[in-house]
């Protein structure tokens, strides 16, 4: 995956929640070999234990085409290709789409 795209995704995630609210919620990027999962994290309600991690979307990179595509998560935590937005070389356009709230499948 292109390093510049990974940096762009990381920056986009950090900017989703203002820094002064990071003790209440964060958006993080979990990087794997061929995809990046965007995760919303929140502290435990009782202050005990680990933060909850809720996958919002997945961006998958195809080396052969050099394109990114969006995947959405179902209620069973399984990801499926999102067909309403075509794969693209421009990962920022996919991040903008997820952020636009045009489809509540990502942020509810």
Protein backbone atom coordinates (compact mmCIF):
# COMPACT_ATOMS: atom_id res chain seq x y z
CA UNK A 1 0.00 0.00 0.00
CA UNK A 2 1.32 3.45 -0.83
CA UNK A 3 2.86 5.12 2.22
CA UNK A 4 1.36 8.50 1.29
CA UNK A 5 -2.12 6.96 1.25
CA UNK A 6 -1.57 5.33 4.65
CA UNK A 7 -0.44 8.67 6.09
CA UNK A 8 -3.49 10.36 4.55
CA UNK A 9 -5.82 7.76 6.10
CA UNK A 10 -4.15 8.13 9.50
CA UNK A 11 -4.46 11.92 9.39
CA UNK A 12 -8.10 11.67 8.29
CA UNK A 13 -8.88 9.38 11.23
CA UNK A 14 -7.23 11.69 13.78
CA UNK A 15 -9.22 14.65 12.45
CA UNK A 16 -12.63 12.98 12.87
CA UNK A 17 -12.73 13.75 16.60
CA UNK A 18 -11.38 17.01 18.06
CA UNK A 19 -8.29 16.43 20.23
CA UNK A 20 -9.97 17.73 23.38
CA UNK A 21 -12.52 14.87 23.08
CA UNK A 22 -10.01 12.03 22.60
CA UNK A 23 -10.69 10.81 26.14
CA UNK A 24 -14.30 10.15 25.01
CA UNK A 25 -13.93 8.79 21.47
CA UNK A 26 -11.36 8.31 18.73
CA UNK A 27 -11.26 7.12 15.15
CA UNK A 28 -8.28 4.91 14.34
CA UNK A 29 -6.83 3.12 11.34
CA UNK A 30 -5.88 -0.51 11.78
CA UNK A 31 -3.44 -1.46 9.01
CA UNK A 32 -3.20 -5.01 7.63
CA UNK A 33 -1.39 -6.39 4.57
CA UNK A 34 -3.97 -5.37 1.95
CA UNK A 35 -6.50 -3.26 3.77
CA UNK A 36 -7.04 -0.59 6.37
CA UNK A 37 -9.95 -0.88 8.79
CA UNK A 38 -11.39 2.36 10.14
CA UNK A 39 -12.42 1.85 13.74
CA UNK A 40 -14.33 4.01 16.19
CA UNK A 41 -13.06 3.48 19.75
CA UNK A 42 -14.65 4.48 23.04
CA UNK A 43 -13.63 4.06 26.68
CA UNK A 44 -15.50 1.57 28.86
CA UNK A 45 -18.63 3.11 30.36
CA UNK A 46 -17.57 2.16 33.88
CA UNK A 47 -13.91 3.17 33.49
CA UNK A 48 -12.79 -0.45 33.85
CA UNK A 49 -11.11 -2.51 31.14
CA UNK A 50 -10.27 -1.92 27.51
CA UNK A 51 -11.74 0.56 25.07
CA UNK A 52 -14.44 -0.82 22.75
CA UNK A 53 -13.49 -1.07 19.07
CA UNK A 54 -16.26 -0.73 16.50
CA UNK A 55 -15.28 -1.23 12.82
CA UNK A 56 -16.86 1.46 10.65
CA UNK A 57 -15.47 0.69 7.18
CA UNK A 58 -12.61 -1.02 5.42
CA UNK A 59 -10.48 0.34 2.58
CA UNK A 60 -8.92 -2.37 0.49
CA UNK A 61 -5.95 -1.80 -1.81
CA UNK A 62 -5.48 -3.86 -4.96
CA UNK A 63 -1.82 -3.83 -6.00
CA UNK A 64 -2.51 -4.98 -9.56
CA UNK A 65 -4.78 -2.03 -10.34
CA UNK A 66 -3.41 0.46 -7.80
CA UNK A 67 -6.95 1.17 -6.67
CA UNK A 68 -8.72 1.45 -3.34
CA UNK A 69 -12.25 0.20 -2.71
CA UNK A 70 -14.67 0.58 0.21
CA UNK A 71 -16.11 -2.31 2.20
CA UNK A 72 -19.00 -2.06 4.63
CA UNK A 73 -19.54 -4.16 7.77
CA UNK A 74 -22.69 -6.16 8.42
CA UNK A 75 -24.20 -6.96 11.82
CA UNK A 76 -22.16 -10.17 11.98
CA UNK A 77 -18.93 -8.14 11.68
CA UNK A 78 -18.29 -9.41 8.15
CA UNK A 79 -17.15 -6.97 5.46
CA UNK A 80 -18.71 -6.73 1.98
CA UNK A 81 -17.69 -4.68 -1.02
CA UNK A 82 -19.58 -1.40 -1.24
CA UNK A 83 -20.84 -1.13 -4.81
CA UNK A 84 -22.27 2.41 -4.70
CA UNK A 85 -18.80 3.94 -4.91
CA UNK A 86 -16.42 2.61 -7.55
CA UNK A 87 -12.79 1.74 -6.78
CA UNK A 88 -10.38 4.61 -7.36
CA UNK A 89 -6.70 5.54 -7.24
CA UNK A 90 -7.65 8.50 -5.03
CA UNK A 91 -8.10 7.21 -1.46
CA UNK A 92 -9.09 10.72 -0.32
CA UNK A 93 -12.24 10.57 -2.44
CA UNK A 94 -13.30 7.41 -0.58
CA UNK A 95 -12.55 8.98 2.79
CA UNK A 96 -14.58 12.04 1.78
CA UNK A 97 -17.47 9.78 0.80
CA UNK A 98 -17.41 7.93 4.13
CA UNK A 99 -17.25 11.26 5.96
CA UNK A 100 -20.09 12.79 3.93
CA UNK A 101 -22.74 10.66 5.66
CA UNK A 102 -24.42 10.11 2.27
CA UNK A 103 -24.99 6.52 3.35
CA UNK A 104 -25.71 5.81 7.04
CA UNK A 105 -24.30 2.30 6.64
CA UNK A 106 -20.92 3.61 7.81
CA UNK A 107 -21.66 5.89 10.77
CA UNK A 108 -25.24 4.80 11.53
